[in-house]
Amino acid sequence: MLSTSINLGLFVFIIIGAAAVFCSLMVVHAKNIVHSAVYLAGLMIALAAMFITLNAEFVASIQILVYVGAVVTLILFAIMLTRRAEVP
C-alpha cells in the first residue's frame, strides 16, 4: 500500500514538472508578449503545485501571492501602458 502512494505521488510530481517545463519553454518561444505573460503565470502556478506535493504549503501560497499576483500583473500593466510604434 505504501509503494502505491509513493508511485502515485511521483507520477503527479512528474506530470506537474512536465507542465512547468512546457510553460517555461513557451514563455521563451511565444511570439505575443501577452501569451508569454500567461505562460509565465502558468509556470508559477505549476511551481506552486510542486511545492504543495512536497508538503510546503506556505511556500506555495507565497509563490501564488507574490509571483502570480504581483509580477504577472506588473508585466501586463507595463505592456498595456506602452505605446506601439505607429507605422506610416
N, C-alpha and C. Protein backbone atom coordinates (compact mmCIF):
# COMPACT_ATOMS: atom_id res chain seq x y z
N MET A 1 0.82 -1.20 0.00
CA MET A 1 0.00 0.00 0.00
C MET A 1 0.86 1.25 0.00
N LEU A 2 1.96 1.22 0.72
CA LEU A 2 2.82 2.39 0.80
C LEU A 2 3.49 2.68 -0.54
N SER A 3 3.91 1.65 -1.25
CA SER A 3 4.59 1.87 -2.52
C SER A 3 3.63 2.42 -3.58
N THR A 4 2.34 2.09 -3.49
CA THR A 4 1.37 2.63 -4.43
C THR A 4 1.21 4.13 -4.25
N SER A 5 1.17 4.61 -3.01
CA SER A 5 1.02 6.03 -2.78
C SER A 5 2.29 6.79 -3.16
N ILE A 6 3.43 6.16 -2.98
CA ILE A 6 4.68 6.80 -3.39
C ILE A 6 4.74 6.89 -4.91
N ASN A 7 4.33 5.86 -5.60
CA ASN A 7 4.33 5.89 -7.06
C ASN A 7 3.33 6.91 -7.59
N LEU A 8 2.16 7.02 -6.96
CA LEU A 8 1.17 8.00 -7.38
C LEU A 8 1.69 9.42 -7.15
N GLY A 9 2.31 9.65 -6.02
CA GLY A 9 2.88 10.97 -5.74
C GLY A 9 3.99 11.33 -6.72
N LEU A 10 4.82 10.36 -7.05
CA LEU A 10 5.88 10.58 -8.03
C LEU A 10 5.30 10.86 -9.41
N PHE A 11 4.24 10.15 -9.77
CA PHE A 11 3.58 10.37 -11.06
C PHE A 11 3.00 11.78 -11.15
N VAL A 12 2.34 12.23 -10.09
CA VAL A 12 1.77 13.58 -10.07
C VAL A 12 2.89 14.63 -10.15
N PHE A 13 3.98 14.39 -9.43
CA PHE A 13 5.11 15.31 -9.45
C PHE A 13 5.72 15.40 -10.85
N ILE A 14 5.84 14.28 -11.54
CA ILE A 14 6.40 14.27 -12.90
C ILE A 14 5.47 14.99 -13.87
N ILE A 15 4.16 14.79 -13.74
CA ILE A 15 3.20 15.48 -14.61
C ILE A 15 3.27 16.99 -14.39
N ILE A 16 3.32 17.43 -13.14
CA ILE A 16 3.40 18.86 -12.86
C ILE A 16 4.74 19.42 -13.35
N GLY A 17 5.82 18.64 -13.20
CA GLY A 17 7.12 19.06 -13.70
C GLY A 17 7.13 19.21 -15.22
N ALA A 18 6.46 18.29 -15.91
CA ALA A 18 6.37 18.39 -17.37
C ALA A 18 5.58 19.64 -17.78
N ALA A 19 4.52 19.95 -17.04
CA ALA A 19 3.75 21.17 -17.32
C ALA A 19 4.61 22.41 -17.08
N ALA A 20 5.44 22.38 -16.04
CA ALA A 20 6.31 23.53 -15.76
C ALA A 20 7.36 23.69 -16.86
N VAL A 21 7.91 22.61 -17.34
CA VAL A 21 8.90 22.69 -18.42
C VAL A 21 8.24 23.20 -19.69
N PHE A 22 7.03 22.72 -20.00
CA PHE A 22 6.31 23.18 -21.18
C PHE A 22 6.04 24.68 -21.10
N CYS A 23 5.55 25.14 -19.95
CA CYS A 23 5.25 26.57 -19.79
C CYS A 23 6.51 27.41 -19.88
N SER A 24 7.61 26.93 -19.32
CA SER A 24 8.85 27.71 -19.38
C SER A 24 9.37 27.81 -20.81
N LEU A 25 9.23 26.75 -21.58
CA LEU A 25 9.64 26.81 -22.98
C LEU A 25 8.73 27.74 -23.79
N MET A 26 7.45 27.73 -23.48
CA MET A 26 6.52 28.59 -24.21
C MET A 26 6.69 30.07 -23.83
N VAL A 27 7.18 30.36 -22.62
CA VAL A 27 7.47 31.75 -22.26
C VAL A 27 8.53 32.31 -23.20
N VAL A 28 9.52 31.49 -23.52
CA VAL A 28 10.62 31.95 -24.36
C VAL A 28 10.21 32.00 -25.83
N HIS A 29 9.42 31.03 -26.28
CA HIS A 29 9.11 30.90 -27.70
C HIS A 29 7.82 31.58 -28.14
N ALA A 30 7.06 32.16 -27.25
CA ALA A 30 5.80 32.79 -27.64
C ALA A 30 6.08 34.07 -28.42
N LYS A 31 5.34 34.26 -29.50
CA LYS A 31 5.51 35.45 -30.33
C LYS A 31 4.83 36.68 -29.70
N ASN A 32 3.70 36.45 -29.06
CA ASN A 32 2.93 37.54 -28.44
C ASN A 32 3.36 37.69 -26.99
N ILE A 33 3.61 38.92 -26.57
CA ILE A 33 4.10 39.17 -25.21
C ILE A 33 3.03 38.86 -24.16
N VAL A 34 1.77 39.04 -24.50
CA VAL A 34 0.68 38.73 -23.57
C VAL A 34 0.60 37.22 -23.35
N HIS A 35 0.76 36.45 -24.43
CA HIS A 35 0.78 35.00 -24.29
C HIS A 35 1.96 34.55 -23.44
N SER A 36 3.08 35.23 -23.60
CA SER A 36 4.25 34.91 -22.79
C SER A 36 3.97 35.16 -21.31
N ALA A 37 3.27 36.23 -20.99
CA ALA A 37 2.92 36.53 -19.60
C ALA A 37 1.95 35.50 -19.03
N VAL A 38 1.02 35.02 -19.87
CA VAL A 38 0.08 33.99 -19.42
C VAL A 38 0.82 32.69 -19.16
N TYR A 39 1.77 32.33 -20.03
CA TYR A 39 2.57 31.13 -19.79
C TYR A 39 3.43 31.28 -18.54
N LEU A 40 3.90 32.50 -18.27
CA LEU A 40 4.66 32.74 -17.05
C LEU A 40 3.80 32.51 -15.81
N ALA A 41 2.54 32.95 -15.88
CA ALA A 41 1.62 32.70 -14.77
C ALA A 41 1.38 31.19 -14.60
N GLY A 42 1.23 30.49 -15.72
CA GLY A 42 1.06 29.03 -15.65
C GLY A 42 2.27 28.35 -15.05
N LEU A 43 3.46 28.84 -15.38
CA LEU A 43 4.68 28.29 -14.80
C LEU A 43 4.72 28.50 -13.30
N MET A 44 4.35 29.69 -12.85
CA MET A 44 4.38 29.96 -11.41
C MET A 44 3.33 29.12 -10.67
N ILE A 45 2.19 28.89 -11.29
CA ILE A 45 1.18 28.04 -10.67
C ILE A 45 1.66 26.59 -10.62
N ALA A 46 2.33 26.14 -11.67
CA ALA A 46 2.88 24.78 -11.66
C ALA A 46 3.94 24.62 -10.58
N LEU A 47 4.76 25.65 -10.39
CA LEU A 47 5.76 25.58 -9.33
C LEU A 47 5.10 25.56 -7.95
N ALA A 48 4.02 26.30 -7.79
CA ALA A 48 3.29 26.26 -6.51
C ALA A 48 2.69 24.88 -6.29
N ALA A 49 2.20 24.25 -7.35
CA ALA A 49 1.67 22.89 -7.23
C ALA A 49 2.78 21.91 -6.86
N MET A 50 3.98 22.14 -7.38
CA MET A 50 5.10 21.28 -6.99
C MET A 50 5.44 21.45 -5.51
N PHE A 51 5.36 22.68 -5.03
CA PHE A 51 5.60 22.91 -3.60
C PHE A 51 4.54 22.22 -2.75
N ILE A 52 3.30 22.20 -3.22
CA ILE A 52 2.24 21.53 -2.47
C ILE A 52 2.49 20.03 -2.41
N THR A 53 2.96 19.43 -3.52
CA THR A 53 3.26 18.00 -3.49
C THR A 53 4.44 17.69 -2.57
N LEU A 54 5.28 18.68 -2.30
CA LEU A 54 6.41 18.48 -1.39
C LEU A 54 6.08 18.89 0.05
N ASN A 55 4.78 19.10 0.34
CA ASN A 55 4.28 19.47 1.66
C ASN A 55 4.85 20.80 2.16
N ALA A 56 4.98 21.76 1.26
CA ALA A 56 5.42 23.11 1.61
C ALA A 56 4.31 24.08 1.22
N GLU A 57 3.21 24.03 1.96
CA GLU A 57 2.03 24.81 1.62
C GLU A 57 2.27 26.31 1.78
N PHE A 58 3.05 26.70 2.79
CA PHE A 58 3.31 28.12 3.00
C PHE A 58 4.09 28.71 1.83
N VAL A 59 5.10 28.00 1.38
CA VAL A 59 5.90 28.48 0.24
C VAL A 59 5.03 28.54 -1.01
N ALA A 60 4.13 27.58 -1.18
CA ALA A 60 3.23 27.59 -2.34
C ALA A 60 2.29 28.79 -2.29
N SER A 61 1.78 29.12 -1.12
CA SER A 61 0.88 30.28 -1.02
C SER A 61 1.62 31.58 -1.28
N ILE A 62 2.85 31.69 -0.81
CA ILE A 62 3.66 32.87 -1.08
C ILE A 62 3.99 32.95 -2.57
N GLN A 63 4.25 31.80 -3.18
CA GLN A 63 4.51 31.75 -4.63
C GLN A 63 3.33 32.31 -5.41
N ILE A 64 2.13 31.88 -5.04
CA ILE A 64 0.93 32.36 -5.74
C ILE A 64 0.72 33.85 -5.49
N LEU A 65 0.80 34.28 -4.24
CA LEU A 65 0.52 35.67 -3.91
C LEU A 65 1.53 36.63 -4.53
N VAL A 66 2.80 36.33 -4.41
CA VAL A 66 3.82 37.27 -4.85
C VAL A 66 4.03 37.20 -6.35
N TYR A 67 4.33 36.02 -6.85
CA TYR A 67 4.74 35.94 -8.24
C TYR A 67 3.55 36.03 -9.20
N VAL A 68 2.55 35.19 -9.00
CA VAL A 68 1.43 35.21 -9.93
C VAL A 68 0.63 36.50 -9.76
N GLY A 69 0.42 36.90 -8.54
CA GLY A 69 -0.39 38.08 -8.30
C GLY A 69 0.30 39.37 -8.68
N ALA A 70 1.53 39.54 -8.25
CA ALA A 70 2.19 40.83 -8.42
C ALA A 70 3.01 40.93 -9.69
N VAL A 71 3.87 39.98 -9.94
CA VAL A 71 4.80 40.10 -11.05
C VAL A 71 4.07 40.03 -12.39
N VAL A 72 3.18 39.10 -12.56
CA VAL A 72 2.47 38.99 -13.83
C VAL A 72 1.54 40.18 -14.03
N THR A 73 0.92 40.68 -12.99
CA THR A 73 0.10 41.87 -13.10
C THR A 73 0.95 43.08 -13.49
N LEU A 74 2.12 43.21 -12.91
CA LEU A 74 3.03 44.30 -13.26
C LEU A 74 3.46 44.20 -14.72
N ILE A 75 3.77 43.01 -15.19
CA ILE A 75 4.16 42.82 -16.58
C ILE A 75 3.01 43.20 -17.51
N LEU A 76 1.81 42.75 -17.20
CA LEU A 76 0.67 43.06 -18.07
C LEU A 76 0.36 44.55 -18.09
N PHE A 77 0.45 45.23 -16.96
CA PHE A 77 0.23 46.68 -16.95
C PHE A 77 1.32 47.40 -17.72
N ALA A 78 2.55 46.95 -17.61
CA ALA A 78 3.64 47.58 -18.36
C ALA A 78 3.43 47.40 -19.85
N ILE A 79 2.94 46.26 -20.25
CA ILE A 79 2.66 46.01 -21.67
C ILE A 79 1.52 46.89 -22.14
N MET A 80 0.47 46.99 -21.34
CA MET A 80 -0.69 47.76 -21.77
C MET A 80 -0.42 49.26 -21.81
N LEU A 81 0.49 49.74 -20.98
CA LEU A 81 0.74 51.17 -20.92
C LEU A 81 1.79 51.65 -21.91
N THR A 82 2.49 50.75 -22.55
CA THR A 82 3.46 51.16 -23.55
C THR A 82 2.77 51.33 -24.90
N ARG A 83 3.26 52.26 -25.65
CA ARG A 83 2.67 52.51 -26.96
C ARG A 83 3.40 51.72 -28.03
N ARG A 84 2.64 51.32 -29.02
CA ARG A 84 3.26 50.70 -30.18
C ARG A 84 3.77 51.79 -31.11
N ALA A 85 4.82 51.48 -31.84
CA ALA A 85 5.32 52.42 -32.82
C ALA A 85 4.37 52.45 -34.00
N GLU A 86 3.92 53.63 -34.35
CA GLU A 86 2.98 53.75 -35.46
C GLU A 86 3.72 53.65 -36.79
N VAL A 87 3.25 52.78 -37.62
CA VAL A 87 3.86 52.59 -38.94
C VAL A 87 3.15 53.50 -39.93
N PRO A 88 3.90 54.37 -40.63
CA PRO A 88 3.23 55.30 -41.58
C PRO A 88 2.75 54.59 -42.84
